All heavy atoms as atom14 arrays in JSON, in Angstrom:
{
  "sequence": "DVIVGSATMELVDLIEDEALLAIPQAPKHASCPGPQAPVRIDDSEVK",
  "atom14_mask": [
    [1, 1, 1, 1, 1, 1, 1, 1, 0, 0, 0, 0, 0, 0],
    [1, 1, 1, 1, 1, 1, 1, 0, 0, 0, 0, 0, 0, 0],
    [1, 1, 1, 1, 1, 1, 1, 1, 0, 0, 0, 0, 0, 0],
    [1, 1, 1, 1, 1, 1, 1, 0, 0, 0, 0, 0, 0, 0],
    [1, 1, 1, 1, 0, 0, 0, 0, 0, 0, 0, 0, 0, 0],
    [1, 1, 1, 1, 1, 1, 0, 0, 0, 0, 0, 0, 0, 0],
    [1, 1, 1, 1, 1, 0, 0, 0, 0, 0, 0, 0, 0, 0],
    [1, 1, 1, 1, 1, 1, 1, 0, 0, 0, 0, 0, 0, 0],
    [1, 1, 1, 1, 1, 1, 1, 1, 0, 0, 0, 0, 0, 0],
    [1, 1, 1, 1, 1, 1, 1, 1, 1, 0, 0, 0, 0, 0],
    [1, 1, 1, 1, 1, 1, 1, 1, 0, 0, 0, 0, 0, 0],
    [1, 1, 1, 1, 1, 1, 1, 0, 0, 0, 0, 0, 0, 0],
    [1, 1, 1, 1, 1, 1, 1, 1, 0, 0, 0, 0, 0, 0],
    [1, 1, 1, 1, 1, 1, 1, 1, 0, 0, 0, 0, 0, 0],
    [1, 1, 1, 1, 1, 1, 1, 1, 0, 0, 0, 0, 0, 0],
    [1, 1, 1, 1, 1, 1, 1, 1, 1, 0, 0, 0, 0, 0],
    [1, 1, 1, 1, 1, 1, 1, 1, 0, 0, 0, 0, 0, 0],
    [1, 1, 1, 1, 1, 1, 1, 1, 1, 0, 0, 0, 0, 0],
    [1, 1, 1, 1, 1, 0, 0, 0, 0, 0, 0, 0, 0, 0],
    [1, 1, 1, 1, 1, 1, 1, 1, 0, 0, 0, 0, 0, 0],
    [1, 1, 1, 1, 1, 1, 1, 1, 0, 0, 0, 0, 0, 0],
    [1, 1, 1, 1, 1, 0, 0, 0, 0, 0, 0, 0, 0, 0],
    [1, 1, 1, 1, 1, 1, 1, 1, 0, 0, 0, 0, 0, 0],
    [1, 1, 1, 1, 1, 1, 1, 0, 0, 0, 0, 0, 0, 0],
    [1, 1, 1, 1, 1, 1, 1, 1, 1, 0, 0, 0, 0, 0],
    [1, 1, 1, 1, 1, 0, 0, 0, 0, 0, 0, 0, 0, 0],
    [1, 1, 1, 1, 1, 1, 1, 0, 0, 0, 0, 0, 0, 0],
    [1, 1, 1, 1, 1, 1, 1, 1, 1, 0, 0, 0, 0, 0],
    [1, 1, 1, 1, 1, 1, 1, 1, 1, 1, 0, 0, 0, 0],
    [1, 1, 1, 1, 1, 0, 0, 0, 0, 0, 0, 0, 0, 0],
    [1, 1, 1, 1, 1, 1, 0, 0, 0, 0, 0, 0, 0, 0],
    [1, 1, 1, 1, 1, 1, 0, 0, 0, 0, 0, 0, 0, 0],
    [1, 1, 1, 1, 1, 1, 1, 0, 0, 0, 0, 0, 0, 0],
    [1, 1, 1, 1, 0, 0, 0, 0, 0, 0, 0, 0, 0, 0],
    [1, 1, 1, 1, 1, 1, 1, 0, 0, 0, 0, 0, 0, 0],
    [1, 1, 1, 1, 1, 1, 1, 1, 1, 0, 0, 0, 0, 0],
    [1, 1, 1, 1, 1, 0, 0, 0, 0, 0, 0, 0, 0, 0],
    [1, 1, 1, 1, 1, 1, 1, 0, 0, 0, 0, 0, 0, 0],
    [1, 1, 1, 1, 1, 1, 1, 0, 0, 0, 0, 0, 0, 0],
    [1, 1, 1, 1, 1, 1, 1, 1, 1, 1, 1, 0, 0, 0],
    [1, 1, 1, 1, 1, 1, 1, 1, 0, 0, 0, 0, 0, 0],
    [1, 1, 1, 1, 1, 1, 1, 1, 0, 0, 0, 0, 0, 0],
    [1, 1, 1, 1, 1, 1, 1, 1, 0, 0, 0, 0, 0, 0],
    [1, 1, 1, 1, 1, 1, 0, 0, 0, 0, 0, 0, 0, 0],
    [1, 1, 1, 1, 1, 1, 1, 1, 1, 0, 0, 0, 0, 0],
    [1, 1, 1, 1, 1, 1, 1, 0, 0, 0, 0, 0, 0, 0],
    [1, 1, 1, 1, 1, 1, 1, 1, 1, 0, 0, 0, 0, 0]
  ],
  "atom14_positions": [
    [[-6.28, -2.16, 22.3], [-5.34, -2.9, 23.12], [-4.86, -2.07, 24.3], [-4.4, -0.94, 24.09], [-4.09, -3.33, 22.32], [-4.42, -4.33, 21.21], [-5.26, -5.2, 21.46], [-3.81, -4.26, 20.12], [0.0, 0.0, 0.0], [0.0, 0.0, 0.0], [0.0, 0.0, 0.0], [0.0, 0.0, 0.0], [0.0, 0.0, 0.0], [0.0, 0.0, 0.0]],
    [[-5.09, -2.55, 25.47], [-4.65, -1.81, 26.67], [-3.33, -2.44, 27.15], [-3.21, -3.63, 27.35], [-5.71, -1.94, 27.81], [-5.27, -1.15, 29.03], [-7.08, -1.46, 27.32], [0.0, 0.0, 0.0], [0.0, 0.0, 0.0], [0.0, 0.0, 0.0], [0.0, 0.0, 0.0], [0.0, 0.0, 0.0], [0.0, 0.0, 0.0], [0.0, 0.0, 0.0]],
    [[-2.29, -1.55, 27.24], [-1.0, -2.01, 27.66], [-0.49, -1.16, 28.8], [-0.94, 0.0, 28.98], [0.03, -1.95, 26.47], [0.21, -0.59, 25.98], [-0.4, -2.92, 25.36], [1.38, -0.42, 24.98], [0.0, 0.0, 0.0], [0.0, 0.0, 0.0], [0.0, 0.0, 0.0], [0.0, 0.0, 0.0], [0.0, 0.0, 0.0], [0.0, 0.0, 0.0]],
    [[0.43, -1.68, 29.54], [1.06, -0.91, 30.63], [2.2, -0.09, 30.03], [3.07, -0.61, 29.37], [1.6, -1.85, 31.73], [2.34, -1.04, 32.83], [0.47, -2.66, 32.32], [0.0, 0.0, 0.0], [0.0, 0.0, 0.0], [0.0, 0.0, 0.0], [0.0, 0.0, 0.0], [0.0, 0.0, 0.0], [0.0, 0.0, 0.0], [0.0, 0.0, 0.0]],
    [[2.14, 1.21, 30.23], [3.16, 2.12, 29.69], [4.06, 2.68, 30.77], [3.78, 2.53, 31.96], [0.0, 0.0, 0.0], [0.0, 0.0, 0.0], [0.0, 0.0, 0.0], [0.0, 0.0, 0.0], [0.0, 0.0, 0.0], [0.0, 0.0, 0.0], [0.0, 0.0, 0.0], [0.0, 0.0, 0.0], [0.0, 0.0, 0.0], [0.0, 0.0, 0.0]],
    [[5.18, 3.18, 30.34], [6.12, 3.79, 31.27], [6.89, 4.89, 30.54], [6.84, 4.99, 29.33], [7.14, 2.75, 31.81], [8.02, 2.36, 30.8], [0.0, 0.0, 0.0], [0.0, 0.0, 0.0], [0.0, 0.0, 0.0], [0.0, 0.0, 0.0], [0.0, 0.0, 0.0], [0.0, 0.0, 0.0], [0.0, 0.0, 0.0], [0.0, 0.0, 0.0]],
    [[7.59, 5.75, 31.32], [8.39, 6.82, 30.75], [9.55, 6.32, 29.89], [10.05, 6.98, 29.02], [8.83, 7.76, 31.84], [0.0, 0.0, 0.0], [0.0, 0.0, 0.0], [0.0, 0.0, 0.0], [0.0, 0.0, 0.0], [0.0, 0.0, 0.0], [0.0, 0.0, 0.0], [0.0, 0.0, 0.0], [0.0, 0.0, 0.0], [0.0, 0.0, 0.0]],
    [[10.04, 5.11, 30.25], [11.17, 4.6, 29.51], [10.79, 3.64, 28.37], [11.63, 2.97, 27.79], [12.1, 3.81, 30.49], [11.36, 2.75, 31.12], [12.65, 4.74, 31.57], [0.0, 0.0, 0.0], [0.0, 0.0, 0.0], [0.0, 0.0, 0.0], [0.0, 0.0, 0.0], [0.0, 0.0, 0.0], [0.0, 0.0, 0.0], [0.0, 0.0, 0.0]],
    [[9.54, 3.62, 28.03], [9.01, 2.7, 27.02], [9.52, 3.09, 25.66], [9.58, 4.27, 25.3], [7.48, 2.82, 27.07], [6.72, 1.83, 26.28], [5.01, 2.12, 26.7], [4.34, 0.68, 26.02], [0.0, 0.0, 0.0], [0.0, 0.0, 0.0], [0.0, 0.0, 0.0], [0.0, 0.0, 0.0], [0.0, 0.0, 0.0], [0.0, 0.0, 0.0]],
    [[9.94, 2.11, 24.87], [10.5, 2.35, 23.55], [9.4, 2.03, 22.49], [8.91, 0.89, 22.41], [11.73, 1.47, 23.28], [12.93, 1.86, 24.11], [13.56, 3.17, 23.66], [13.44, 3.55, 22.51], [14.21, 3.81, 24.5], [0.0, 0.0, 0.0], [0.0, 0.0, 0.0], [0.0, 0.0, 0.0], [0.0, 0.0, 0.0], [0.0, 0.0, 0.0]],
    [[9.07, 3.01, 21.68], [8.08, 2.83, 20.64], [8.56, 1.83, 19.58], [7.77, 1.02, 19.05], [7.77, 4.17, 19.96], [6.71, 4.14, 18.89], [5.37, 3.65, 19.45], [6.55, 5.52, 18.24], [0.0, 0.0, 0.0], [0.0, 0.0, 0.0], [0.0, 0.0, 0.0], [0.0, 0.0, 0.0], [0.0, 0.0, 0.0], [0.0, 0.0, 0.0]],
    [[9.87, 1.83, 19.33], [10.42, 0.84, 18.36], [10.18, -0.56, 18.79], [9.88, -1.45, 17.96], [11.93, 1.13, 18.18], [12.56, 0.07, 17.27], [12.17, 2.52, 17.6], [0.0, 0.0, 0.0], [0.0, 0.0, 0.0], [0.0, 0.0, 0.0], [0.0, 0.0, 0.0], [0.0, 0.0, 0.0], [0.0, 0.0, 0.0], [0.0, 0.0, 0.0]],
    [[10.26, -0.85, 20.09], [9.98, -2.2, 20.59], [8.54, -2.59, 20.37], [8.26, -3.76, 20.04], [10.33, -2.32, 22.1], [11.82, -2.14, 22.33], [12.61, -2.37, 21.43], [12.2, -1.8, 23.49], [0.0, 0.0, 0.0], [0.0, 0.0, 0.0], [0.0, 0.0, 0.0], [0.0, 0.0, 0.0], [0.0, 0.0, 0.0], [0.0, 0.0, 0.0]],
    [[7.62, -1.68, 20.53], [6.21, -1.94, 20.28], [5.97, -2.26, 18.81], [5.23, -3.2, 18.48], [5.31, -0.8, 20.69], [5.11, -0.62, 22.2], [4.32, 0.69, 22.45], [4.34, -1.77, 22.79], [0.0, 0.0, 0.0], [0.0, 0.0, 0.0], [0.0, 0.0, 0.0], [0.0, 0.0, 0.0], [0.0, 0.0, 0.0], [0.0, 0.0, 0.0]],
    [[6.58, -1.49, 17.93], [6.43, -1.7, 16.49], [7.01, -3.06, 16.12], [6.43, -3.8, 15.32], [7.09, -0.56, 15.7], [6.33, 0.75, 15.97], [7.16, -0.86, 14.21], [7.0, 1.97, 15.46], [0.0, 0.0, 0.0], [0.0, 0.0, 0.0], [0.0, 0.0, 0.0], [0.0, 0.0, 0.0], [0.0, 0.0, 0.0], [0.0, 0.0, 0.0]],
    [[8.19, -3.39, 16.66], [8.8, -4.69, 16.39], [7.91, -5.83, 16.83], [7.69, -6.81, 16.11], [10.16, -4.8, 17.06], [10.85, -6.08, 16.77], [12.19, -6.2, 17.52], [12.52, -5.36, 18.34], [12.92, -7.17, 17.17], [0.0, 0.0, 0.0], [0.0, 0.0, 0.0], [0.0, 0.0, 0.0], [0.0, 0.0, 0.0], [0.0, 0.0, 0.0]],
    [[7.31, -5.74, 18.01], [6.43, -6.77, 18.51], [5.2, -6.92, 17.57], [4.77, -8.07, 17.27], [5.94, -6.46, 19.91], [7.03, -6.57, 20.96], [8.08, -7.18, 20.65], [6.83, -6.07, 22.08], [0.0, 0.0, 0.0], [0.0, 0.0, 0.0], [0.0, 0.0, 0.0], [0.0, 0.0, 0.0], [0.0, 0.0, 0.0], [0.0, 0.0, 0.0]],
    [[4.62, -5.82, 17.11], [3.49, -5.86, 16.24], [3.87, -6.54, 14.93], [3.12, -7.31, 14.34], [2.9, -4.46, 16.0], [2.11, -3.91, 17.16], [0.86, -4.71, 17.46], [0.13, -5.08, 16.49], [0.63, -4.96, 18.62], [0.0, 0.0, 0.0], [0.0, 0.0, 0.0], [0.0, 0.0, 0.0], [0.0, 0.0, 0.0], [0.0, 0.0, 0.0]],
    [[5.07, -6.21, 14.4], [5.54, -6.79, 13.15], [5.72, -8.32, 13.3], [5.35, -9.07, 12.44], [6.82, -6.13, 12.73], [0.0, 0.0, 0.0], [0.0, 0.0, 0.0], [0.0, 0.0, 0.0], [0.0, 0.0, 0.0], [0.0, 0.0, 0.0], [0.0, 0.0, 0.0], [0.0, 0.0, 0.0], [0.0, 0.0, 0.0], [0.0, 0.0, 0.0]],
    [[6.33, -8.72, 14.41], [6.53, -10.16, 14.62], [5.21, -10.91, 14.75], [5.08, -12.06, 14.29], [7.37, -10.41, 15.91], [8.79, -9.96, 15.81], [9.5, -10.06, 17.14], [9.55, -10.79, 14.77], [0.0, 0.0, 0.0], [0.0, 0.0, 0.0], [0.0, 0.0, 0.0], [0.0, 0.0, 0.0], [0.0, 0.0, 0.0], [0.0, 0.0, 0.0]],
    [[4.19, -10.28, 15.3], [2.87, -10.91, 15.42], [2.15, -10.97, 14.1], [1.33, -11.82, 13.84], [2.01, -10.16, 16.45], [2.45, -10.36, 17.88], [1.62, -9.38, 18.8], [2.26, -11.75, 18.34], [0.0, 0.0, 0.0], [0.0, 0.0, 0.0], [0.0, 0.0, 0.0], [0.0, 0.0, 0.0], [0.0, 0.0, 0.0], [0.0, 0.0, 0.0]],
    [[2.5, -10.02, 13.18], [1.78, -9.94, 11.89], [2.35, -10.9, 10.84], [1.63, -11.3, 9.93], [1.87, -8.51, 11.36], [0.0, 0.0, 0.0], [0.0, 0.0, 0.0], [0.0, 0.0, 0.0], [0.0, 0.0, 0.0], [0.0, 0.0, 0.0], [0.0, 0.0, 0.0], [0.0, 0.0, 0.0], [0.0, 0.0, 0.0], [0.0, 0.0, 0.0]],
    [[3.63, -11.27, 10.96], [4.19, -12.18, 9.92], [3.74, -13.6, 10.19], [3.48, -14.0, 11.33], [5.75, -12.06, 9.87], [6.36, -12.46, 11.24], [6.17, -10.72, 9.45], [7.86, -12.51, 11.18], [0.0, 0.0, 0.0], [0.0, 0.0, 0.0], [0.0, 0.0, 0.0], [0.0, 0.0, 0.0], [0.0, 0.0, 0.0], [0.0, 0.0, 0.0]],
    [[3.67, -14.42, 9.13], [3.2, -15.8, 9.32], [4.28, -16.61, 10.08], [5.49, -16.31, 9.98], [3.06, -16.3, 7.87], [3.77, -15.36, 7.02], [3.86, -14.07, 7.74], [0.0, 0.0, 0.0], [0.0, 0.0, 0.0], [0.0, 0.0, 0.0], [0.0, 0.0, 0.0], [0.0, 0.0, 0.0], [0.0, 0.0, 0.0], [0.0, 0.0, 0.0]],
    [[3.84, -17.62, 10.8], [4.74, -18.46, 11.56], [5.58, -19.36, 10.65], [6.7, -19.76, 11.01], [4.0, -19.33, 12.58], [3.37, -18.51, 13.67], [2.65, -19.37, 14.65], [2.41, -20.58, 14.46], [2.26, -18.81, 15.77], [0.0, 0.0, 0.0], [0.0, 0.0, 0.0], [0.0, 0.0, 0.0], [0.0, 0.0, 0.0], [0.0, 0.0, 0.0]],
    [[5.03, -19.71, 9.51], [5.75, -20.56, 8.55], [5.76, -19.83, 7.17], [4.81, -19.16, 6.87], [5.06, -21.89, 8.44], [0.0, 0.0, 0.0], [0.0, 0.0, 0.0], [0.0, 0.0, 0.0], [0.0, 0.0, 0.0], [0.0, 0.0, 0.0], [0.0, 0.0, 0.0], [0.0, 0.0, 0.0], [0.0, 0.0, 0.0], [0.0, 0.0, 0.0]],
    [[6.81, -20.05, 6.43], [6.85, -19.41, 5.09], [5.71, -19.87, 4.23], [5.29, -21.04, 4.3], [8.19, -19.87, 4.53], [8.96, -20.43, 5.64], [7.98, -20.85, 6.68], [0.0, 0.0, 0.0], [0.0, 0.0, 0.0], [0.0, 0.0, 0.0], [0.0, 0.0, 0.0], [0.0, 0.0, 0.0], [0.0, 0.0, 0.0], [0.0, 0.0, 0.0]],
    [[5.23, -18.98, 3.4], [4.13, -19.27, 2.46], [4.54, -18.81, 1.09], [5.34, -17.93, 0.94], [2.83, -18.57, 2.9], [2.33, -19.0, 4.23], [1.05, -18.2, 4.53], [0.49, -18.62, 5.88], [-0.75, -17.87, 6.2], [0.0, 0.0, 0.0], [0.0, 0.0, 0.0], [0.0, 0.0, 0.0], [0.0, 0.0, 0.0], [0.0, 0.0, 0.0]],
    [[3.97, -19.44, 0.08], [4.19, -19.01, -1.29], [2.88, -18.43, -1.82], [1.78, -18.65, -1.29], [4.71, -20.14, -2.14], [3.94, -21.42, -1.99], [2.74, -21.66, -2.6], [4.27, -22.53, -1.3], [2.32, -22.85, -2.25], [3.2, -23.42, -1.47], [0.0, 0.0, 0.0], [0.0, 0.0, 0.0], [0.0, 0.0, 0.0], [0.0, 0.0, 0.0]],
    [[3.03, -17.61, -2.9], [1.86, -16.89, -3.42], [0.77, -17.85, -3.95], [-0.41, -17.61, -3.74], [2.3, -15.99, -4.51], [0.0, 0.0, 0.0], [0.0, 0.0, 0.0], [0.0, 0.0, 0.0], [0.0, 0.0, 0.0], [0.0, 0.0, 0.0], [0.0, 0.0, 0.0], [0.0, 0.0, 0.0], [0.0, 0.0, 0.0], [0.0, 0.0, 0.0]],
    [[1.18, -18.93, -4.62], [0.2, -19.88, -5.13], [0.75, -21.3, -5.03], [1.97, -21.48, -5.08], [-0.18, -19.57, -6.51], [0.92, -19.72, -7.38], [0.0, 0.0, 0.0], [0.0, 0.0, 0.0], [0.0, 0.0, 0.0], [0.0, 0.0, 0.0], [0.0, 0.0, 0.0], [0.0, 0.0, 0.0], [0.0, 0.0, 0.0], [0.0, 0.0, 0.0]],
    [[-0.12, -22.25, -4.89], [0.36, -23.66, -4.8], [0.83, -24.12, -6.16], [0.2, -23.82, -7.18], [-0.79, -24.54, -4.32], [-1.29, -24.22, -2.64], [0.0, 0.0, 0.0], [0.0, 0.0, 0.0], [0.0, 0.0, 0.0], [0.0, 0.0, 0.0], [0.0, 0.0, 0.0], [0.0, 0.0, 0.0], [0.0, 0.0, 0.0], [0.0, 0.0, 0.0]],
    [[1.94, -24.86, -6.18], [2.38, -25.37, -7.46], [1.46, -26.52, -7.94], [0.74, -27.05, -7.14], [3.79, -25.93, -7.15], [3.77, -26.17, -5.67], [2.81, -25.16, -5.09], [0.0, 0.0, 0.0], [0.0, 0.0, 0.0], [0.0, 0.0, 0.0], [0.0, 0.0, 0.0], [0.0, 0.0, 0.0], [0.0, 0.0, 0.0], [0.0, 0.0, 0.0]],
    [[1.5, -26.73, -9.22], [0.66, -27.79, -9.79], [1.09, -29.18, -9.34], [2.04, -29.34, -8.62], [0.0, 0.0, 0.0], [0.0, 0.0, 0.0], [0.0, 0.0, 0.0], [0.0, 0.0, 0.0], [0.0, 0.0, 0.0], [0.0, 0.0, 0.0], [0.0, 0.0, 0.0], [0.0, 0.0, 0.0], [0.0, 0.0, 0.0], [0.0, 0.0, 0.0]],
    [[0.34, -30.18, -9.73], [0.67, -31.55, -9.3], [2.05, -31.93, -9.85], [2.39, -31.6, -10.98], [-0.42, -32.39, -9.84], [-1.12, -31.58, -10.91], [-0.85, -30.15, -10.58], [0.0, 0.0, 0.0], [0.0, 0.0, 0.0], [0.0, 0.0, 0.0], [0.0, 0.0, 0.0], [0.0, 0.0, 0.0], [0.0, 0.0, 0.0], [0.0, 0.0, 0.0]],
    [[2.79, -32.54, -9.04], [4.12, -32.99, -9.4], [4.18, -34.51, -9.55], [3.42, -35.24, -8.87], [5.17, -32.52, -8.39], [5.24, -31.02, -8.26], [6.22, -30.57, -7.21], [6.76, -31.4, -6.49], [6.41, -29.3, -7.06], [0.0, 0.0, 0.0], [0.0, 0.0, 0.0], [0.0, 0.0, 0.0], [0.0, 0.0, 0.0], [0.0, 0.0, 0.0]],
    [[5.08, -34.98, -10.37], [5.25, -36.41, -10.53], [5.79, -36.99, -9.26], [6.59, -36.36, -8.54], [6.19, -36.69, -11.71], [0.0, 0.0, 0.0], [0.0, 0.0, 0.0], [0.0, 0.0, 0.0], [0.0, 0.0, 0.0], [0.0, 0.0, 0.0], [0.0, 0.0, 0.0], [0.0, 0.0, 0.0], [0.0, 0.0, 0.0], [0.0, 0.0, 0.0]],
    [[5.35, -38.18, -8.86], [5.87, -38.79, -7.61], [7.34, -39.07, -7.73], [7.86, -39.37, -8.81], [5.08, -40.09, -7.46], [4.48, -40.34, -8.81], [4.37, -39.06, -9.53], [0.0, 0.0, 0.0], [0.0, 0.0, 0.0], [0.0, 0.0, 0.0], [0.0, 0.0, 0.0], [0.0, 0.0, 0.0], [0.0, 0.0, 0.0], [0.0, 0.0, 0.0]],
    [[8.04, -38.97, -6.63], [9.44, -39.27, -6.59], [9.65, -40.73, -6.51], [9.07, -41.43, -5.65], [10.11, -38.55, -5.36], [11.59, -38.91, -5.27], [9.91, -37.05, -5.44], [0.0, 0.0, 0.0], [0.0, 0.0, 0.0], [0.0, 0.0, 0.0], [0.0, 0.0, 0.0], [0.0, 0.0, 0.0], [0.0, 0.0, 0.0], [0.0, 0.0, 0.0]],
    [[10.48, -41.29, -7.39], [10.73, -42.71, -7.41], [12.12, -42.99, -6.88], [13.09, -42.29, -7.25], [10.58, -43.28, -8.8], [9.17, -43.15, -9.31], [9.01, -43.78, -10.67], [7.72, -43.5, -11.2], [6.79, -44.38, -11.4], [7.04, -45.65, -11.17], [5.6, -44.06, -11.86], [0.0, 0.0, 0.0], [0.0, 0.0, 0.0], [0.0, 0.0, 0.0]],
    [[12.22, -43.99, -6.05], [13.53, -44.35, -5.49], [13.97, -45.61, -6.23], [13.27, -46.62, -6.33], [13.41, -44.64, -3.97], [12.93, -43.4, -3.27], [14.71, -45.16, -3.4], [12.58, -43.58, -1.8], [0.0, 0.0, 0.0], [0.0, 0.0, 0.0], [0.0, 0.0, 0.0], [0.0, 0.0, 0.0], [0.0, 0.0, 0.0], [0.0, 0.0, 0.0]],
    [[15.21, -45.54, -6.7], [15.81, -46.68, -7.4], [16.37, -47.65, -6.38], [17.34, -47.35, -5.71], [16.9, -46.16, -8.33], [17.42, -47.3, -9.24], [16.91, -48.42, -9.16], [18.44, -47.04, -9.96], [0.0, 0.0, 0.0], [0.0, 0.0, 0.0], [0.0, 0.0, 0.0], [0.0, 0.0, 0.0], [0.0, 0.0, 0.0], [0.0, 0.0, 0.0]],
    [[15.72, -48.82, -6.21], [16.13, -49.82, -5.19], [17.48, -50.44, -5.51], [18.09, -51.04, -4.62], [15.05, -50.91, -5.02], [13.78, -50.31, -4.41], [13.87, -49.2, -3.83], [12.75, -51.03, -4.48], [0.0, 0.0, 0.0], [0.0, 0.0, 0.0], [0.0, 0.0, 0.0], [0.0, 0.0, 0.0], [0.0, 0.0, 0.0], [0.0, 0.0, 0.0]],
    [[17.9, -50.34, -6.72], [19.13, -51.02, -7.07], [20.36, -50.31, -6.5], [21.44, -50.88, -6.35], [19.3, -51.09, -8.64], [19.41, -49.78, -9.14], [0.0, 0.0, 0.0], [0.0, 0.0, 0.0], [0.0, 0.0, 0.0], [0.0, 0.0, 0.0], [0.0, 0.0, 0.0], [0.0, 0.0, 0.0], [0.0, 0.0, 0.0], [0.0, 0.0, 0.0]],
    [[20.17, -49.05, -6.07], [21.3, -48.28, -5.52], [21.24, -48.19, -3.98], [21.83, -47.31, -3.43], [21.32, -46.87, -6.13], [21.63, -46.89, -7.61], [21.77, -45.49, -8.19], [22.05, -44.55, -7.39], [21.56, -45.32, -9.38], [0.0, 0.0, 0.0], [0.0, 0.0, 0.0], [0.0, 0.0, 0.0], [0.0, 0.0, 0.0], [0.0, 0.0, 0.0]],
    [[20.48, -49.08, -3.36], [20.36, -49.04, -1.9], [21.69, -49.51, -1.31], [22.18, -50.58, -1.63], [19.2, -49.95, -1.41], [19.18, -49.98, 0.09], [17.9, -49.43, -1.95], [0.0, 0.0, 0.0], [0.0, 0.0, 0.0], [0.0, 0.0, 0.0], [0.0, 0.0, 0.0], [0.0, 0.0, 0.0], [0.0, 0.0, 0.0], [0.0, 0.0, 0.0]],
    [[22.26, -48.64, -0.49], [23.56, -48.96, 0.11], [23.34, -49.79, 1.39], [22.36, -49.57, 2.12], [24.29, -47.7, 0.47], [24.6, -46.81, -0.77], [25.3, -45.56, -0.36], [25.56, -44.7, -1.59], [26.19, -43.45, -1.27], [0.0, 0.0, 0.0], [0.0, 0.0, 0.0], [0.0, 0.0, 0.0], [0.0, 0.0, 0.0], [0.0, 0.0, 0.0]]
  ]
}
């Protein structure tokens, strides 16, 4: 990666940028849960 550097450049900022690029954009879980029963809506309680 070629970047523009300067004398006032902060290494911590570069590390933070790399960390932000490495994490997923959306949360993920280790494994998918098994099939779940469908959610049923009780129509008798419709307000």
